[in-house]
PDB file of all heavy atoms in Angstrom:
ATOM      1  N   LEU A   1      -8.333-158.411 116.593  1.00  0.00           N
ATOM      2  CA  LEU A   1      -8.506-157.095 115.983  1.00  0.00           C
ATOM      3  C   LEU A   1      -9.221-157.158 114.636  1.00  0.00           C
ATOM      4  O   LEU A   1      -9.041-156.293 113.798  1.00  0.00           O
ATOM      5  CB  LEU A   1      -7.138-156.427 115.819  1.00  0.00           C
ATOM      6  CG  LEU A   1      -6.364-156.204 117.111  1.00  0.00           C
ATOM      7  CD1 LEU A   1      -4.968-155.681 116.813  1.00  0.00           C
ATOM      8  CD2 LEU A   1      -7.096-155.252 118.022  1.00  0.00           C
ATOM      9  N   LEU A   2     -10.033-158.182 114.440  1.00  0.00           N
ATOM     10  CA  LEU A   2     -10.744-158.332 113.172  1.00  0.00           C
ATOM     11  C   LEU A   2     -12.022-157.503 113.177  1.00  0.00           C
ATOM     12  O   LEU A   2     -12.609-157.237 114.216  1.00  0.00           O
ATOM     13  CB  LEU A   2     -11.094-159.806 112.940  1.00  0.00           C
ATOM     14  CG  LEU A   2      -9.910-160.750 112.777  1.00  0.00           C
ATOM     15  CD1 LEU A   2     -10.405-162.184 112.706  1.00  0.00           C
ATOM     16  CD2 LEU A   2      -9.096-160.399 111.557  1.00  0.00           C
ATOM     17  N   PHE A   3     -12.445-157.108 111.971  1.00  0.00           N
ATOM     18  CA  PHE A   3     -13.707-156.391 111.814  1.00  0.00           C
ATOM     19  C   PHE A   3     -14.868-157.362 112.038  1.00  0.00           C
ATOM     20  O   PHE A   3     -14.722-158.568 111.875  1.00  0.00           O
ATOM     21  CB  PHE A   3     -13.829-155.801 110.405  1.00  0.00           C
ATOM     22  CG  PHE A   3     -12.843-154.713 110.109  1.00  0.00           C
ATOM     23  CD1 PHE A   3     -11.905-154.864 109.096  1.00  0.00           C
ATOM     24  CD2 PHE A   3     -12.848-153.532 110.823  1.00  0.00           C
ATOM     25  CE1 PHE A   3     -10.999-153.870 108.810  1.00  0.00           C
ATOM     26  CE2 PHE A   3     -11.951-152.523 110.547  1.00  0.00           C
ATOM     27  CZ  PHE A   3     -11.019-152.694 109.537  1.00  0.00           C
ATOM     28  N   PRO A   4     -16.062-156.846 112.361  1.00  0.00           N
ATOM     29  CA  PRO A   4     -17.242-157.719 112.468  1.00  0.00           C
ATOM     30  C   PRO A   4     -17.556-158.394 111.126  1.00  0.00           C
ATOM     31  O   PRO A   4     -17.127-157.950 110.068  1.00  0.00           O
ATOM     32  CB  PRO A   4     -18.371-156.761 112.861  1.00  0.00           C
ATOM     33  CG  PRO A   4     -17.696-155.580 113.446  1.00  0.00           C
ATOM     34  CD  PRO A   4     -16.359-155.475 112.763  1.00  0.00           C
ATOM     35  N   ARG A   5     -18.316-159.461 111.175  1.00  0.00           N
ATOM     36  CA  ARG A   5     -18.652-160.275 110.001  1.00  0.00           C
ATOM     37  C   ARG A   5     -19.297-159.452 108.881  1.00  0.00           C
ATOM     38  O   ARG A   5     -19.085-159.717 107.714  1.00  0.00           O
ATOM     39  CB  ARG A   5     -19.598-161.398 110.445  1.00  0.00           C
ATOM     40  CG  ARG A   5     -20.190-162.200 109.320  1.00  0.00           C
ATOM     41  CD  ARG A   5     -19.436-163.465 109.078  1.00  0.00           C
ATOM     42  NE  ARG A   5     -20.106-164.267 108.062  1.00  0.00           N
ATOM     43  CZ  ARG A   5     -19.570-164.485 106.867  1.00  0.00           C
ATOM     44  NH1 ARG A   5     -18.399-164.001 106.574  1.00  0.00           N
ATOM     45  NH2 ARG A   5     -20.197-165.222 105.984  1.00  0.00           N
ATOM     46  N   GLN A   6     -20.091-158.430 109.229  1.00  0.00           N
ATOM     47  CA  GLN A   6     -20.806-157.635 108.221  1.00  0.00           C
ATOM     48  C   GLN A   6     -19.845-156.900 107.291  1.00  0.00           C
ATOM     49  O   GLN A   6     -20.210-156.569 106.160  1.00  0.00           O
ATOM     50  CB  GLN A   6     -21.725-156.607 108.896  1.00  0.00           C
ATOM     51  CG  GLN A   6     -22.852-157.215 109.697  1.00  0.00           C
ATOM     52  CD  GLN A   6     -22.425-157.676 111.090  1.00  0.00           C
ATOM     53  OE1 GLN A   6     -21.309-157.455 111.525  1.00  0.00           O
ATOM     54  NE2 GLN A   6     -23.329-158.347 111.765  1.00  0.00           N
ATOM     55  N   PHE A   7     -18.635-156.652 107.721  1.00  0.00           N
ATOM     56  CA  PHE A   7     -17.674-155.954 106.885  1.00  0.00           C
ATOM     57  C   PHE A   7     -17.251-156.795 105.675  1.00  0.00           C
ATOM     58  O   PHE A   7     -16.767-156.259 104.685  1.00  0.00           O
ATOM     59  CB  PHE A   7     -16.438-155.558 107.700  1.00  0.00           C
ATOM     60  CG  PHE A   7     -16.607-154.291 108.482  1.00  0.00           C
ATOM     61  CD1 PHE A   7     -17.434-154.243 109.592  1.00  0.00           C
ATOM     62  CD2 PHE A   7     -15.943-153.140 108.110  1.00  0.00           C
ATOM     63  CE1 PHE A   7     -17.611-153.085 110.310  1.00  0.00           C
ATOM     64  CE2 PHE A   7     -16.105-151.972 108.822  1.00  0.00           C
ATOM     65  CZ  PHE A   7     -16.940-151.945 109.927  1.00  0.00           C
ATOM     66  N   HIS A   8     -17.432-158.104 105.777  1.00  0.00           N
ATOM     67  CA  HIS A   8     -17.082-158.988 104.665  1.00  0.00           C
ATOM     68  C   HIS A   8     -17.914-158.642 103.429  1.00  0.00           C
ATOM     69  O   HIS A   8     -17.385-158.475 102.339  1.00  0.00           O
ATOM     70  CB  HIS A   8     -17.312-160.436 105.097  1.00  0.00           C
ATOM     71  CG  HIS A   8     -16.717-161.447 104.185  1.00  0.00           C
ATOM     72  ND1 HIS A   8     -15.394-161.781 104.231  1.00  0.00           N
ATOM     73  CD2 HIS A   8     -17.269-162.179 103.194  1.00  0.00           C
ATOM     74  CE1 HIS A   8     -15.154-162.688 103.309  1.00  0.00           C
ATOM     75  NE2 HIS A   8     -16.275-162.939 102.662  1.00  0.00           N
ATOM     76  N   LEU A   9     -19.229-158.499 103.616  1.00  0.00           N
ATOM     77  CA  LEU A   9     -20.117-158.131 102.512  1.00  0.00           C
ATOM     78  C   LEU A   9     -19.806-156.728 102.003  1.00  0.00           C
ATOM     79  O   LEU A   9     -19.758-156.497 100.791  1.00  0.00           O
ATOM     80  CB  LEU A   9     -21.582-158.225 102.956  1.00  0.00           C
ATOM     81  CG  LEU A   9     -22.614-157.799 101.920  1.00  0.00           C
ATOM     82  CD1 LEU A   9     -22.541-158.695 100.683  1.00  0.00           C
ATOM     83  CD2 LEU A   9     -24.004-157.816 102.517  1.00  0.00           C
ATOM     84  N   VAL A  10     -19.576-155.793 102.923  1.00  0.00           N
ATOM     85  CA  VAL A  10     -19.221-154.426 102.531  1.00  0.00           C
ATOM     86  C   VAL A  10     -17.940-154.438 101.693  1.00  0.00           C
ATOM     87  O   VAL A  10     -17.828-153.724 100.690  1.00  0.00           O
ATOM     88  CB  VAL A  10     -19.062-153.516 103.777  1.00  0.00           C
ATOM     89  CG1 VAL A  10     -18.533-152.153 103.399  1.00  0.00           C
ATOM     90  CG2 VAL A  10     -20.381-153.402 104.519  1.00  0.00           C
ATOM     91  N   GLY A  11     -16.986-155.269 102.101  1.00  0.00           N
ATOM     92  CA  GLY A  11     -15.736-155.379 101.348  1.00  0.00           C
ATOM     93  C   GLY A  11     -15.966-155.826  99.920  1.00  0.00           C
ATOM     94  O   GLY A  11     -15.407-155.257  98.971  1.00  0.00           O
ATOM     95  N   TRP A  12     -16.802-156.864  99.743  1.00  0.00           N
ATOM     96  CA  TRP A  12     -17.082-157.326  98.382  1.00  0.00           C
ATOM     97  C   TRP A  12     -17.839-156.275  97.574  1.00  0.00           C
ATOM     98  O   TRP A  12     -17.606-156.130  96.373  1.00  0.00           O
ATOM     99  CB  TRP A  12     -17.868-158.651  98.410  1.00  0.00           C
ATOM    100  CG  TRP A  12     -16.988-159.820  98.726  1.00  0.00           C
ATOM    101  CD1 TRP A  12     -17.000-160.563  99.858  1.00  0.00           C
ATOM    102  CD2 TRP A  12     -15.945-160.363  97.907  1.00  0.00           C
ATOM    103  NE1 TRP A  12     -16.029-161.534  99.791  1.00  0.00           N
ATOM    104  CE2 TRP A  12     -15.369-161.440  98.605  1.00  0.00           C
ATOM    105  CE3 TRP A  12     -15.438-160.042  96.660  1.00  0.00           C
ATOM    106  CZ2 TRP A  12     -14.318-162.194  98.096  1.00  0.00           C
ATOM    107  CZ3 TRP A  12     -14.391-160.794  96.152  1.00  0.00           C
ATOM    108  CH2 TRP A  12     -13.839-161.851  96.864  1.00  0.00           C
ATOM    109  N   LEU A  13     -18.736-155.545  98.242  1.00  0.00           N
ATOM    110  CA  LEU A  13     -19.495-154.492  97.543  1.00  0.00           C
ATOM    111  C   LEU A  13     -18.607-153.322  97.133  1.00  0.00           C
ATOM    112  O   LEU A  13     -18.915-152.611  96.173  1.00  0.00           O
ATOM    113  CB  LEU A  13     -20.649-153.999  98.417  1.00  0.00           C
ATOM    114  CG  LEU A  13     -21.778-154.999  98.641  1.00  0.00           C
ATOM    115  CD1 LEU A  13     -22.803-154.436  99.622  1.00  0.00           C
ATOM    116  CD2 LEU A  13     -22.433-155.395  97.329  1.00  0.00           C
ATOM    117  N   LEU A  14     -17.513-153.106  97.827  1.00  0.00           N
ATOM    118  CA  LEU A  14     -16.544-152.086  97.425  1.00  0.00           C
ATOM    119  C   LEU A  14     -15.565-152.632  96.388  1.00  0.00           C
ATOM    120  O   LEU A  14     -15.234-151.968  95.409  1.00  0.00           O
ATOM    121  CB  LEU A  14     -15.754-151.588  98.639  1.00  0.00           C
ATOM    122  CG  LEU A  14     -16.439-150.643  99.596  1.00  0.00           C
ATOM    123  CD1 LEU A  14     -15.589-150.454 100.834  1.00  0.00           C
ATOM    124  CD2 LEU A  14     -16.699-149.310  98.923  1.00  0.00           C
ATOM    125  N   PHE A  15     -15.089-153.848  96.629  1.00  0.00           N
ATOM    126  CA  PHE A  15     -14.013-154.415  95.812  1.00  0.00           C
ATOM    127  C   PHE A  15     -14.453-154.711  94.380  1.00  0.00           C
ATOM    128  O   PHE A  15     -13.762-154.334  93.428  1.00  0.00           O
ATOM    129  CB  PHE A  15     -13.481-155.694  96.468  1.00  0.00           C
ATOM    130  CG  PHE A  15     -12.323-156.307  95.749  1.00  0.00           C
ATOM    131  CD1 PHE A  15     -11.045-155.841  95.970  1.00  0.00           C
ATOM    132  CD2 PHE A  15     -12.496-157.342  94.844  1.00  0.00           C
ATOM    133  CE1 PHE A  15      -9.964-156.390  95.313  1.00  0.00           C
ATOM    134  CE2 PHE A  15     -11.432-157.903  94.178  1.00  0.00           C
ATOM    135  CZ  PHE A  15     -10.153-157.428  94.410  1.00  0.00           C
ATOM    136  N   ILE A  16     -15.577-155.380  94.206  1.00  0.00           N
ATOM    137  CA  ILE A  16     -15.985-155.831  92.865  1.00  0.00           C
ATOM    138  C   ILE A  16     -16.228-154.669  91.902  1.00  0.00           C
ATOM    139  O   ILE A  16     -15.651-154.652  90.803  1.00  0.00           O
ATOM    140  CB  ILE A  16     -17.194-156.787  92.950  1.00  0.00           C
ATOM    141  CG1 ILE A  16     -16.750-158.106  93.590  1.00  0.00           C
ATOM    142  CG2 ILE A  16     -17.803-157.029  91.582  1.00  0.00           C
ATOM    143  CD1 ILE A  16     -17.865-159.076  93.863  1.00  0.00           C
ATOM    144  N   PRO A  17     -17.050-153.667  92.253  1.00  0.00           N
ATOM    145  CA  PRO A  17     -17.227-152.563  91.294  1.00  0.00           C
ATOM    146  C   PRO A  17     -15.934-151.789  91.030  1.00  0.00           C
ATOM    147  O   PRO A  17     -15.666-151.412  89.888  1.00  0.00           O
ATOM    148  CB  PRO A  17     -18.258-151.649  91.957  1.00  0.00           C
ATOM    149  CG  PRO A  17     -18.891-152.435  93.028  1.00  0.00           C
ATOM    150  CD  PRO A  17     -17.929-153.493  93.414  1.00  0.00           C
ATOM    151  N   ALA A  18     -15.138-151.581  92.093  1.00  0.00           N
ATOM    152  CA  ALA A  18     -13.876-150.861  91.903  1.00  0.00           C
ATOM    153  C   ALA A  18     -12.938-151.655  91.005  1.00  0.00           C
ATOM    154  O   ALA A  18     -12.258-151.083  90.147  1.00  0.00           O
ATOM    155  CB  ALA A  18     -13.221-150.568  93.252  1.00  0.00           C
ATOM    156  N   ALA A  19     -12.896-152.967  91.176  1.00  0.00           N
ATOM    157  CA  ALA A  19     -12.035-153.803  90.334  1.00  0.00           C
ATOM    158  C   ALA A  19     -12.513-153.798  88.878  1.00  0.00           C
ATOM    159  O   ALA A  19     -11.696-153.745  87.950  1.00  0.00           O
ATOM    160  CB  ALA A  19     -11.988-155.230  90.878  1.00  0.00           C
ATOM    161  N   ILE A  20     -13.818-153.828  88.673  1.00  0.00           N
ATOM    162  CA  ILE A  20     -14.353-153.791  87.302  1.00  0.00           C
ATOM    163  C   ILE A  20     -14.009-152.462  86.635  1.00  0.00           C
ATOM    164  O   ILE A  20     -13.521-152.437  85.492  1.00  0.00           O
ATOM    165  CB  ILE A  20     -15.873-154.041  87.311  1.00  0.00           C
ATOM    166  CG1 ILE A  20     -16.162-155.486  87.696  1.00  0.00           C
ATOM    167  CG2 ILE A  20     -16.487-153.714  85.948  1.00  0.00           C
ATOM    168  CD1 ILE A  20     -17.622-155.788  87.946  1.00  0.00           C
ATOM    169  N   VAL A  21     -14.250-151.355  87.329  1.00  0.00           N
ATOM    170  CA  VAL A  21     -13.909-150.043  86.761  1.00  0.00           C
ATOM    171  C   VAL A  21     -12.403-149.943  86.549  1.00  0.00           C
ATOM    172  O   VAL A  21     -11.944-149.420  85.521  1.00  0.00           O
ATOM    173  CB  VAL A  21     -14.415-148.897  87.673  1.00  0.00           C
ATOM    174  CG1 VAL A  21     -13.904-147.556  87.198  1.00  0.00           C
ATOM    175  CG2 VAL A  21     -15.933-148.894  87.720  1.00  0.00           C
ATOM    176  N   GLY A  22     -11.623-150.480  87.490  1.00  0.00           N
ATOM    177  CA  GLY A  22     -10.170-150.468  87.340  1.00  0.00           C
ATOM    178  C   GLY A  22      -9.714-151.236  86.107  1.00  0.00           C
ATOM    179  O   GLY A  22      -8.824-150.792  85.381  1.00  0.00           O
ATOM    180  N   MET A  23     -10.334-152.398  85.851  1.00  0.00           N
ATOM    181  CA  MET A  23      -9.981-153.171  84.656  1.00  0.00           C
ATOM    182  C   MET A  23     -10.385-152.427  83.385  1.00  0.00           C
ATOM    183  O   MET A  23      -9.654-152.449  82.391  1.00  0.00           O
ATOM    184  CB  MET A  23     -10.621-154.554  84.700  1.00  0.00           C
ATOM    185  CG  MET A  23      -9.923-155.509  85.635  1.00  0.00           C
ATOM    186  SD  MET A  23     -10.511-157.183  85.491  1.00  0.00           S
ATOM    187  CE  MET A  23     -11.839-157.171  86.665  1.00  0.00           C
ATOM    188  N   LEU A  24     -11.551-151.789  83.418  1.00  0.00           N
ATOM    189  CA  LEU A  24     -11.975-151.000  82.251  1.00  0.00           C
ATOM    190  C   LEU A  24     -10.987-149.870  81.979  1.00  0.00           C
ATOM    191  O   LEU A  24     -10.656-149.597  80.818  1.00  0.00           O
ATOM    192  CB  LEU A  24     -13.378-150.444  82.462  1.00  0.00           C
ATOM    193  CG  LEU A  24     -14.520-151.462  82.483  1.00  0.00           C
ATOM    194  CD1 LEU A  24     -15.832-150.784  82.859  1.00  0.00           C
ATOM    195  CD2 LEU A  24     -14.631-152.170  81.142  1.00  0.00           C
ATOM    196  N   LEU A  25     -10.519-149.227  83.031  1.00  0.00           N
ATOM    197  CA  LEU A  25      -9.522-148.165  82.867  1.00  0.00           C
ATOM    198  C   LEU A  25      -8.183-148.733  82.406  1.00  0.00           C
ATOM    199  O   LEU A  25      -7.519-148.169  81.533  1.00  0.00           O
ATOM    200  CB  LEU A  25      -9.322-147.405  84.174  1.00  0.00           C
ATOM    201  CG  LEU A  25     -10.471-146.532  84.644  1.00  0.00           C
ATOM    202  CD1 LEU A  25     -10.191-146.011  86.044  1.00  0.00           C
ATOM    203  CD2 LEU A  25     -10.692-145.382  83.679  1.00  0.00           C
ATOM    204  N   TYR A  26      -7.791-149.839  82.990  1.00  0.00           N
ATOM    205  CA  TYR A  26      -6.493-150.447  82.686  1.00  0.00           C
ATOM    206  C   TYR A  26      -6.404-150.866  81.218  1.00  0.00           C
ATOM    207  O   TYR A  26      -5.381-150.678  80.572  1.00  0.00           O
ATOM    208  CB  TYR A  26      -6.258-151.645  83.601  1.00  0.00           C
ATOM    209  CG  TYR A  26      -4.917-152.308  83.437  1.00  0.00           C
ATOM    210  CD1 TYR A  26      -3.777-151.739  83.973  1.00  0.00           C
ATOM    211  CD2 TYR A  26      -4.800-153.504  82.740  1.00  0.00           C
ATOM    212  CE1 TYR A  26      -2.543-152.339  83.830  1.00  0.00           C
ATOM    213  CE2 TYR A  26      -3.577-154.118  82.591  1.00  0.00           C
ATOM    214  CZ  TYR A  26      -2.445-153.531  83.144  1.00  0.00           C
ATOM    215  OH  TYR A  26      -1.222-154.143  82.994  1.00  0.00           O
ATOM    216  N   PHE A  27      -7.497-151.452  80.718  1.00  0.00           N
ATOM    217  CA  PHE A  27      -7.492-151.905  79.335  1.00  0.00           C
ATOM    218  C   PHE A  27      -8.034-150.851  78.377  1.00  0.00           C
ATOM    219  O   PHE A  27      -8.367-151.152  77.234  1.00  0.00           O
ATOM    220  CB  PHE A  27      -8.283-153.211  79.205  1.00  0.00           C
ATOM    221  CG  PHE A  27      -7.621-154.359  79.908  1.00  0.00           C
ATOM    222  CD1 PHE A  27      -8.200-154.924  81.039  1.00  0.00           C
ATOM    223  CD2 PHE A  27      -6.417-154.864  79.473  1.00  0.00           C
ATOM    224  CE1 PHE A  27      -7.604-155.973  81.700  1.00  0.00           C
ATOM    225  CE2 PHE A  27      -5.797-155.914  80.119  1.00  0.00           C
ATOM    226  CZ  PHE A  27      -6.394-156.470  81.240  1.00  0.00           C
ATOM    227  N   SER A  28      -8.151-149.617  78.829  1.00  0.00           N
ATOM    228  CA  SER A  28      -8.523-148.447  78.024  1.00  0.00           C
ATOM    229  C   SER A  28      -9.895-148.546  77.375  1.00  0.00           C
ATOM    230  O   SER A  28     -10.114-148.043  76.280  1.00  0.00           O
ATOM    231  CB  SER A  28      -7.454-148.176  76.961  1.00  0.00           C
ATOM    232  OG  SER A  28      -6.228-147.920  77.563  1.00  0.00           O
ATOM    233  N   PHE A  29     -10.838-149.208  78.050  1.00  0.00           N
ATOM    234  CA  PHE A  29     -12.205-149.223  77.548  1.00  0.00           C
ATOM    235  C   PHE A  29     -12.934-147.941  77.936  1.00  0.00           C
ATOM    236  O   PHE A  29     -13.947-147.599  77.337  1.00  0.00           O
ATOM    237  CB  PHE A  29     -12.973-150.445  78.072  1.00  0.00           C
ATOM    238  CG  PHE A  29     -12.463-151.739  77.504  1.00  0.00           C
ATOM    239  CD1 PHE A  29     -11.985-152.733  78.336  1.00  0.00           C
ATOM    240  CD2 PHE A  29     -12.469-151.973  76.142  1.00  0.00           C
ATOM    241  CE1 PHE A  29     -11.520-153.931  77.816  1.00  0.00           C
ATOM    242  CE2 PHE A  29     -12.013-153.163  75.611  1.00  0.00           C
ATOM    243  CZ  PHE A  29     -11.536-154.147  76.454  1.00  0.00           C
ATOM    244  N   CYS A  30     -12.442-147.273  78.975  1.00  0.00           N
ATOM    245  CA  CYS A  30     -13.009-145.989  79.418  1.00  0.00           C
ATOM    246  C   CYS A  30     -11.871-144.980  79.493  1.00  0.00           C
ATOM    247  O   CYS A  30     -10.794-145.294  79.976  1.00  0.00           O
ATOM    248  CB  CYS A  30     -13.641-146.110  80.797  1.00  0.00           C
ATOM    249  SG  CYS A  30     -15.048-147.190  80.864  1.00  0.00           S
ATOM    250  N   ASN A  31     -12.121-143.805  78.993  1.00  0.00           N
ATOM    251  CA  ASN A  31     -11.117-142.742  79.087  1.00  0.00           C
ATOM    252  C   ASN A  31     -11.740-141.514  79.729  1.00  0.00           C
ATOM    253  O   ASN A  31     -12.809-141.065  79.317  1.00  0.00           O
ATOM    254  CB  ASN A  31     -10.574-142.374  77.700  1.00  0.00           C
ATOM    255  CG  ASN A  31      -9.711-143.468  77.129  1.00  0.00           C
ATOM    256  OD1 ASN A  31      -8.985-144.134  77.852  1.00  0.00           O
ATOM    257  ND2 ASN A  31      -9.794-143.669  75.822  1.00  0.00           N
ATOM    258  N   PHE A  32     -11.067-141.011  80.734  1.00  0.00           N
ATOM    259  CA  PHE A  32     -11.485-139.780  81.389  1.00  0.00           C
ATOM    260  C   PHE A  32     -10.355-138.781  81.251  1.00  0.00           C
ATOM    261  O   PHE A  32      -9.202-139.158  81.049  1.00  0.00           O
ATOM    262  CB  PHE A  32     -11.791-140.031  82.872  1.00  0.00           C
ATOM    263  CG  PHE A  32     -12.924-140.982  83.100  1.00  0.00           C
ATOM    264  CD1 PHE A  32     -12.688-142.298  83.471  1.00  0.00           C
ATOM    265  CD2 PHE A  32     -14.230-140.570  82.961  1.00  0.00           C
ATOM    266  CE1 PHE A  32     -13.725-143.176  83.688  1.00  0.00           C
ATOM    267  CE2 PHE A  32     -15.291-141.437  83.171  1.00  0.00           C
ATOM    268  CZ  PHE A  32     -15.035-142.745  83.535  1.00  0.00           C
ATOM    269  N   HIS A  33     -10.672-137.518  81.386  1.00  0.00           N
ATOM    270  CA  HIS A  33      -9.656-136.483  81.251  1.00  0.00           C
ATOM    271  C   HIS A  33      -9.788-135.478  82.381  1.00  0.00           C
ATOM    272  O   HIS A  33     -10.877-135.232  82.902  1.00  0.00           O
ATOM    273  CB  HIS A  33      -9.782-135.774  79.894  1.00  0.00           C
ATOM    274  CG  HIS A  33      -9.677-136.714  78.736  1.00  0.00           C
ATOM    275  ND1 HIS A  33      -8.492-137.295  78.354  1.00  0.00           N
ATOM    276  CD2 HIS A  33     -10.624-137.199  77.889  1.00  0.00           C
ATOM    277  CE1 HIS A  33      -8.704-138.087  77.313  1.00  0.00           C
ATOM    278  NE2 HIS A  33      -9.999-138.047  77.012  1.00  0.00           N
ATOM    279  N   GLY A  34      -8.665-134.903  82.742  1.00  0.00           N
ATOM    280  CA  GLY A  34      -8.651-133.829  83.734  1.00  0.00           C
ATOM    281  C   GLY A  34      -8.959-134.307  85.139  1.00  0.00           C
ATOM    282  O   GLY A  34      -8.516-135.367  85.575  1.00  0.00           O
TER     283      GLY A  34
END
């Protein structure tokens, strides 16, 4: 039930930017409101 091999690259392309933005939010380098 595994995804095709191409999903591996898609996963990294989703994970890395989201993790970077998440760290910026977590350490309060970016603040959004509302």
